[in-house]
């Protein structure tokens, strides 16, 4: 499918999203909590350390669930390490065929090249007209990266995966290979050197900096300042674009820049910039079927609502997301988010709240062409 064909399709899906405010269009699905790393800044460490594969949704359940999402645009498949889920290519196909998703993002530590490359190839075949983004987590130069991830030799494995992904890009125009670096106290002093290396010795389609968040096992690693985050994001943006432009790349550039500015203002001024659409446009679905509006809302507002912000488990609603979102708990949570002007540094929630809010479009357009 050509870009000219995809633009009207995307416009139609976005229009439907705006006309249906309670229809989720962006999901983050944890395909597994199994992981082959033990990252020091990981906010999901408790689930990883206590994972029980027997409690994961089966592929049959996932496929049934995918039919209940009527207008998905973005699907992020995460974990754990998502490539440790055997059915990952089939999960992509289910959301591609049954939910109409156009964009897939799969973050990975990249430590399993012999397993990952065949799986990525199958994913590309299963969703030929979707944009597939493989996001490699690269948190520093070699020594720092391996220290943070607690995997000796992990950096070298990641580099091997990267080289094989570059070869795949020559065969599949819909493959996007990006890097993602989480800024924490563990790599603050090394991040500038890491960015220099990323921009000089690698050829990623995009490189982003995320802010350490949530409830990591080592809480002190989260104490990086918003000024340091701004400094690093400005530094990475100072490098010229060196790689071939991909479809929608200018728009995604504008979205990314707008989101980073929104994040900086949100944290610096401790206020809501755009009304949060978590629970409406964005949903988190965990490997066991639990559904939440956001990954860190329980951390930000502990005990704010009786029973927390758990919306329900899809198993209890016949794998139908519409039925689940019609329950009283969802209404209670959405009312809380709106009433309290809930705000945080969770990039995906900020992104969804920007993309599905027409008031942000002038800023996105402006940033797309700067």
Protein backbone atom coordinates (compact mmCIF):
# COMPACT_ATOMS: atom_id res chain seq x y z
CA UNK A 1 0.00 0.00 0.00
CA UNK A 2 1.47 3.36 -1.02
CA UNK A 3 1.78 6.38 1.25
CA UNK A 4 -0.86 8.16 -0.87
CA UNK A 5 -3.26 5.33 -0.08
CA UNK A 6 -2.39 5.30 3.62
CA UNK A 7 -2.93 9.04 4.19
CA UNK A 8 -6.70 9.00 3.54
CA UNK A 9 -7.00 5.75 5.53
CA UNK A 10 -5.20 7.35 8.46
CA UNK A 11 -7.35 10.49 8.14
CA UNK A 12 -10.51 8.36 8.21
CA UNK A 13 -9.36 6.44 11.29
CA UNK A 14 -8.36 9.66 13.07
CA UNK A 15 -11.73 11.26 12.25
CA UNK A 16 -13.52 8.21 13.66
CA UNK A 17 -11.33 8.43 16.76
CA UNK A 18 -12.23 12.08 17.31
CA UNK A 19 -15.94 11.44 16.76
CA UNK A 20 -15.96 8.58 19.29
CA UNK A 21 -14.32 9.96 22.46
CA UNK A 22 -14.70 6.74 24.47
CA UNK A 23 -13.32 4.40 21.80
CA UNK A 24 -9.73 3.30 22.54
CA UNK A 25 -7.38 3.85 19.60
CA UNK A 26 -4.02 3.21 21.22
CA UNK A 27 -3.20 0.20 23.38
CA UNK A 28 -0.10 -0.95 25.17
CA UNK A 29 -0.32 -4.71 25.47
CA UNK A 30 2.06 -6.62 27.71
CA UNK A 31 2.41 -9.88 25.83
CA UNK A 32 4.48 -11.42 28.64
CA UNK A 33 6.17 -10.52 31.92
CA UNK A 34 9.02 -12.93 31.22
CA UNK A 35 12.31 -11.08 30.75
CA UNK A 36 15.95 -11.97 30.20
CA UNK A 37 17.24 -8.77 31.83
CA UNK A 38 16.92 -7.21 35.29
CA UNK A 39 17.24 -3.50 34.57
CA UNK A 40 18.03 -1.34 37.57
CA UNK A 41 15.55 1.40 36.56
CA UNK A 42 12.68 -0.91 35.51
CA UNK A 43 9.27 0.12 36.88
CA UNK A 44 7.83 -3.33 36.05
CA UNK A 45 10.39 -5.30 38.07
CA UNK A 46 7.93 -6.85 40.54
CA UNK A 47 5.83 -8.49 37.81
CA UNK A 48 8.99 -9.67 36.05
CA UNK A 49 10.39 -11.27 39.20
CA UNK A 50 7.09 -13.00 40.06
CA UNK A 51 5.97 -13.88 36.52
CA UNK A 52 3.70 -16.88 36.00
CA UNK A 53 3.35 -17.87 32.34
CA UNK A 54 0.32 -19.99 33.18
CA UNK A 55 -1.63 -16.80 33.91
CA UNK A 56 -0.90 -15.18 30.54
CA UNK A 57 -3.75 -14.74 28.11
CA UNK A 58 -3.70 -17.55 25.54
CA UNK A 59 -3.30 -16.64 21.89
CA UNK A 60 -6.91 -17.67 21.28
CA UNK A 61 -8.06 -15.23 23.95
CA UNK A 62 -5.87 -12.47 22.51
CA UNK A 63 -7.27 -13.02 19.03
CA UNK A 64 -10.83 -12.84 20.38
CA UNK A 65 -9.96 -9.64 22.23
CA UNK A 66 -8.53 -8.09 19.06
CA UNK A 67 -11.94 -8.39 17.37
CA UNK A 68 -13.49 -6.11 20.01
CA UNK A 69 -11.20 -3.16 19.22
CA UNK A 70 -12.97 -1.43 16.35
CA UNK A 71 -10.61 1.39 15.37
CA UNK A 72 -7.09 0.82 16.66
CA UNK A 73 -4.40 3.03 15.20
CA UNK A 74 -1.36 2.27 17.39
CA UNK A 75 -0.45 -0.97 19.15
CA UNK A 76 2.63 -1.23 21.35
CA UNK A 77 3.60 -4.80 22.26
CA UNK A 78 5.82 -4.88 25.30
CA UNK A 79 6.81 -6.93 28.34
CA UNK A 80 9.00 -8.25 29.89
CA UNK A 81 10.87 -9.00 26.71
CA UNK A 82 8.15 -9.27 24.04
CA UNK A 83 10.23 -11.49 21.78
CA UNK A 84 10.10 -14.19 24.46
CA UNK A 85 6.40 -14.63 23.59
CA UNK A 86 6.36 -17.38 20.96
CA UNK A 87 3.17 -16.15 19.26
CA UNK A 88 4.35 -12.52 18.87
CA UNK A 89 4.09 -12.54 15.03
CA UNK A 90 0.58 -14.02 15.25
CA UNK A 91 -0.43 -11.40 17.85
CA UNK A 92 0.64 -8.67 15.42
CA UNK A 93 -1.38 -10.31 12.66
CA UNK A 94 -4.47 -10.49 14.90
CA UNK A 95 -4.43 -6.77 15.72
CA UNK A 96 -3.56 -5.91 12.11
CA UNK A 97 -6.39 -7.94 10.57
CA UNK A 98 -9.06 -7.71 13.25
CA UNK A 99 -8.50 -4.22 14.72
CA UNK A 100 -7.17 -2.38 11.67
CA UNK A 101 -4.02 -1.17 13.46
CA UNK A 102 -1.69 0.85 11.23
CA UNK A 103 1.28 1.35 13.53
CA UNK A 104 3.04 -1.21 15.71
CA UNK A 105 5.88 -0.53 18.14
CA UNK A 106 7.85 -3.31 19.82
CA UNK A 107 10.45 -2.21 22.40
CA UNK A 108 13.17 -4.79 22.97
CA UNK A 109 16.52 -5.22 24.66
CA UNK A 110 17.79 -6.87 21.47
CA UNK A 111 19.66 -9.66 23.25
CA UNK A 112 18.28 -12.55 21.17
CA UNK A 113 19.28 -11.93 17.53
CA UNK A 114 18.93 -15.57 16.42
CA UNK A 115 15.36 -15.59 17.71
CA UNK A 116 14.36 -12.01 16.96
CA UNK A 117 15.34 -11.61 13.32
CA UNK A 118 13.18 -14.54 12.05
CA UNK A 119 10.31 -13.27 14.18
CA UNK A 120 10.60 -9.72 12.84
CA UNK A 121 10.65 -11.07 9.29
CA UNK A 122 7.43 -12.98 9.99
CA UNK A 123 5.85 -9.91 11.62
CA UNK A 124 6.62 -7.87 8.50
CA UNK A 125 4.98 -10.54 6.36
CA UNK A 126 1.96 -10.73 8.66
CA UNK A 127 1.30 -6.97 8.54
CA UNK A 128 2.58 -5.83 5.12
CA UNK A 129 0.82 -2.46 5.09
CA UNK A 130 1.48 -1.48 8.70
CA UNK A 131 4.47 0.48 9.93
CA UNK A 132 6.51 -1.82 12.19
CA UNK A 133 8.84 -0.08 14.62
CA UNK A 134 11.45 -2.11 16.48
CA UNK A 135 12.77 0.05 19.30
CA UNK A 136 16.12 -1.05 20.71
CA UNK A 137 16.78 -0.01 24.30
CA UNK A 138 20.22 1.58 24.45
CA UNK A 139 20.92 3.22 27.79
CA UNK A 140 24.57 4.17 27.49
CA UNK A 141 27.91 3.28 26.04
CA UNK A 142 28.86 -0.38 26.42
CA UNK A 143 30.05 -0.55 30.02
CA UNK A 144 27.25 1.65 31.41
CA UNK A 145 24.57 -0.07 29.33
CA UNK A 146 25.54 -3.56 30.51
CA UNK A 147 25.74 -2.35 34.13
CA UNK A 148 22.23 -0.88 34.00
CA UNK A 149 20.71 -3.93 32.30
CA UNK A 150 22.62 -6.48 34.41
CA UNK A 151 23.41 -8.55 31.31
CA UNK A 152 27.15 -8.96 30.64
CA UNK A 153 27.72 -8.87 26.88
CA UNK A 154 24.22 -7.52 26.27
CA UNK A 155 25.47 -4.47 24.38
CA UNK A 156 27.31 -6.66 21.86
CA UNK A 157 24.18 -8.81 21.32
CA UNK A 158 22.10 -5.67 20.79
CA UNK A 159 24.58 -4.44 18.19
CA UNK A 160 24.36 -7.78 16.40
CA UNK A 161 20.56 -7.52 16.33
CA UNK A 162 20.81 -3.94 15.03
CA UNK A 163 23.05 -4.99 12.14
CA UNK A 164 20.64 -7.75 11.12
CA UNK A 165 17.68 -5.37 11.34
CA UNK A 166 19.49 -2.98 9.00
CA UNK A 167 19.71 -5.77 6.45
CA UNK A 168 15.97 -6.45 6.82
CA UNK A 169 15.24 -2.78 6.15
CA UNK A 170 16.57 -3.26 2.62
CA UNK A 171 13.89 -5.89 2.02
CA UNK A 172 10.96 -4.31 3.86
CA UNK A 173 10.14 -0.63 3.45
CA UNK A 174 7.67 -0.74 6.36
CA UNK A 175 10.36 -1.59 8.94
CA UNK A 176 11.50 1.27 11.17
CA UNK A 177 14.44 0.74 13.53
CA UNK A 178 14.75 3.17 16.42
CA UNK A 179 16.61 3.55 19.68
CA UNK A 180 15.24 4.48 23.07
CA UNK A 181 17.39 5.61 26.01
CA UNK A 182 15.92 5.93 29.51
CA UNK A 183 17.51 8.81 31.40
CA UNK A 184 18.18 8.05 35.06
CA UNK A 185 20.76 8.81 37.72
CA UNK A 186 22.57 5.68 36.49
CA UNK A 187 23.47 7.17 33.11
CA UNK A 188 23.07 10.92 33.54
CA UNK A 189 26.83 11.55 33.35
CA UNK A 190 27.14 9.18 30.38
CA UNK A 191 24.10 10.25 28.35
CA UNK A 192 25.80 12.95 26.30
CA UNK A 193 28.52 10.47 25.30
CA UNK A 194 25.80 7.95 24.52
CA UNK A 195 24.01 10.45 22.26
CA UNK A 196 27.28 11.29 20.48
CA UNK A 197 27.77 7.59 19.81
CA UNK A 198 24.15 7.10 18.65
CA UNK A 199 24.34 10.00 16.22
CA UNK A 200 27.82 9.17 14.90
CA UNK A 201 28.14 5.39 14.78
CA UNK A 202 24.57 4.13 14.36
CA UNK A 203 21.88 4.83 11.76
CA UNK A 204 18.58 4.72 13.60
CA UNK A 205 15.45 6.13 11.99
CA UNK A 206 14.79 7.92 15.26
CA UNK A 207 16.43 8.15 18.67
CA UNK A 208 14.48 9.23 21.73
CA UNK A 209 15.17 9.95 25.37
CA UNK A 210 12.65 8.81 27.99
CA UNK A 211 12.48 9.95 31.58
CA UNK A 212 12.83 7.29 34.28
CA UNK A 213 9.43 6.91 35.95
CA UNK A 214 7.18 4.71 38.04
CA UNK A 215 8.42 2.71 41.01
CA UNK A 216 11.85 1.21 40.19
CA UNK A 217 13.48 -1.29 42.52
CA UNK A 218 16.20 1.27 43.21
CA UNK A 219 14.07 4.42 43.82
CA UNK A 220 17.05 6.81 43.85
CA UNK A 221 17.69 6.18 40.13
CA UNK A 222 14.53 8.18 39.36
CA UNK A 223 15.83 11.40 40.90
CA UNK A 224 17.03 12.90 37.62
CA UNK A 225 15.86 16.51 37.19
CA UNK A 226 13.55 17.77 34.48
CA UNK A 227 16.23 20.29 33.50
CA UNK A 228 18.63 17.45 32.79
CA UNK A 229 15.95 15.76 30.68
CA UNK A 230 15.36 18.97 28.70
CA UNK A 231 19.10 19.41 28.22
CA UNK A 232 19.49 15.90 26.80
CA UNK A 233 16.45 16.09 24.53
CA UNK A 234 17.65 19.44 23.18
CA UNK A 235 21.10 17.98 22.61
CA UNK A 236 19.84 15.00 20.65
CA UNK A 237 17.69 17.31 18.51
CA UNK A 238 20.76 19.41 17.64
CA UNK A 239 22.07 16.65 15.36
CA UNK A 240 21.05 16.75 11.70
CA UNK A 241 18.80 14.05 10.27
CA UNK A 242 21.11 11.52 8.59
CA UNK A 243 18.79 8.73 7.54
CA UNK A 244 16.21 8.30 4.81
CA UNK A 245 12.84 9.85 5.60
CA UNK A 246 10.04 7.33 6.13
CA UNK A 247 6.33 7.83 5.62
CA UNK A 248 4.70 10.22 8.08
CA UNK A 249 8.19 10.96 9.45
CA UNK A 250 7.72 14.73 9.47
CA UNK A 251 4.43 14.40 11.29
CA UNK A 252 5.93 11.98 13.81
CA UNK A 253 8.81 14.40 14.28
CA UNK A 254 6.32 17.16 15.08
CA UNK A 255 4.42 14.90 17.45
CA UNK A 256 7.60 13.87 19.23
CA UNK A 257 8.83 17.44 19.68
CA UNK A 258 5.43 18.60 20.89
CA UNK A 259 5.20 15.70 23.33
CA UNK A 260 8.65 16.40 24.79
CA UNK A 261 7.77 20.06 25.34
CA UNK A 262 4.50 19.02 26.94
CA UNK A 263 6.32 16.61 29.25
CA UNK A 264 8.80 19.29 30.29
CA UNK A 265 6.04 21.78 31.11
CA UNK A 266 3.94 19.15 32.90
CA UNK A 267 6.79 18.13 35.22
CA UNK A 268 8.37 21.55 35.66
CA UNK A 269 5.11 23.34 36.48
CA UNK A 270 3.35 20.29 37.97
CA UNK A 271 0.19 20.88 35.98
CA UNK A 272 -2.02 19.39 33.31
CA UNK A 273 -1.16 20.80 29.87
CA UNK A 274 -3.68 18.79 27.84
CA UNK A 275 -6.62 16.89 29.37
CA UNK A 276 -5.44 13.32 29.93
CA UNK A 277 -7.17 10.80 27.67
CA UNK A 278 -5.86 7.68 29.43
CA UNK A 279 -8.77 5.28 29.81
CA UNK A 280 -10.52 6.81 26.82
CA UNK A 281 -8.03 6.78 23.96
CA UNK A 282 -5.18 4.88 25.64
CA UNK A 283 -5.48 1.56 27.45
CA UNK A 284 -2.98 -0.71 29.15
CA UNK A 285 -3.70 -4.44 28.86
CA UNK A 286 -1.45 -6.66 30.96
CA UNK A 287 -0.41 -10.21 30.13
CA UNK A 288 -3.01 -11.68 32.49
CA UNK A 289 -5.86 -9.63 31.01
CA UNK A 290 -5.98 -6.86 33.62
CA UNK A 291 -6.86 -3.47 32.12
CA UNK A 292 -5.73 -0.08 33.42
CA UNK A 293 -5.92 3.45 32.00
CA UNK A 294 -2.23 4.12 32.63
CA UNK A 295 0.93 2.32 33.71
CA UNK A 296 1.75 4.57 36.66
CA UNK A 297 -1.52 6.12 37.86
CA UNK A 298 -1.58 3.85 40.94
CA UNK A 299 1.94 5.04 41.80
CA UNK A 300 0.99 8.70 41.46
CA UNK A 301 -2.33 8.40 43.32
CA UNK A 302 -2.00 5.50 45.77
CA UNK A 303 -5.29 4.70 47.53
CA UNK A 304 -7.06 7.61 45.78
CA UNK A 305 -9.88 5.27 44.70
CA UNK A 306 -11.12 2.18 46.51
CA UNK A 307 -9.64 -0.80 44.73
CA UNK A 308 -7.17 1.37 42.80
CA UNK A 309 -7.44 2.15 39.11
CA UNK A 310 -7.97 -1.42 37.95
CA UNK A 311 -10.77 -1.28 35.35
CA UNK A 312 -11.38 -5.02 35.12
CA UNK A 313 -10.08 -8.19 33.54
CA UNK A 314 -11.05 -8.97 29.95
CA UNK A 315 -11.64 -12.63 30.86
CA UNK A 316 -14.60 -11.52 32.99
CA UNK A 317 -16.15 -9.70 30.01
CA UNK A 318 -15.91 -12.47 27.41
CA UNK A 319 -12.75 -10.86 25.95
CA UNK A 320 -14.80 -7.83 24.90
CA UNK A 321 -13.17 -4.49 25.63
CA UNK A 322 -16.38 -2.54 24.95
CA UNK A 323 -18.24 -4.46 27.65
CA UNK A 324 -15.41 -3.90 30.11
CA UNK A 325 -15.26 -0.14 29.46
CA UNK A 326 -19.00 0.13 30.06
CA UNK A 327 -18.69 -0.84 33.72
CA UNK A 328 -19.12 1.50 36.70
CA UNK A 329 -15.44 1.32 37.68
CA UNK A 330 -14.34 2.77 34.34
CA UNK A 331 -16.72 5.70 34.79
CA UNK A 332 -15.38 6.28 38.31
CA UNK A 333 -11.77 6.27 37.10
CA UNK A 334 -12.46 8.57 34.13
CA UNK A 335 -14.30 10.99 36.41
CA UNK A 336 -11.30 11.02 38.75
CA UNK A 337 -8.82 11.70 35.92
CA UNK A 338 -10.93 14.59 34.65
CA UNK A 339 -11.77 16.05 38.08
CA UNK A 340 -8.21 15.90 39.43
CA UNK A 341 -6.64 17.01 36.12
CA UNK A 342 -4.39 13.98 36.40
CA UNK A 343 -0.93 14.59 34.92
CA UNK A 344 2.43 12.84 34.87
CA UNK A 345 5.55 12.17 32.79
CA UNK A 346 4.23 9.01 31.09
CA UNK A 347 5.15 9.66 27.47
CA UNK A 348 2.52 7.39 25.90
CA UNK A 349 -0.32 9.01 27.84
CA UNK A 350 0.96 12.46 26.88
CA UNK A 351 1.24 11.32 23.26
CA UNK A 352 -2.33 9.97 23.14
CA UNK A 353 -3.69 13.07 24.85
CA UNK A 354 -1.99 15.18 22.19
CA UNK A 355 -2.81 13.15 19.06
CA UNK A 356 -6.50 12.83 19.89
CA UNK A 357 -6.93 16.50 20.84
CA UNK A 358 -7.42 18.78 17.79
CA UNK A 359 -6.34 21.81 19.84
CA UNK A 360 -2.76 20.51 19.70
CA UNK A 361 -2.67 20.22 15.90
CA UNK A 362 -1.39 23.75 15.14
CA UNK A 363 1.60 23.14 17.42
CA UNK A 364 2.25 19.71 15.88
CA UNK A 365 2.14 21.18 12.36
CA UNK A 366 4.50 23.95 13.39
CA UNK A 367 6.99 21.54 14.96
CA UNK A 368 6.80 19.23 11.93
CA UNK A 369 8.42 21.78 9.67
CA UNK A 370 10.87 23.53 12.01
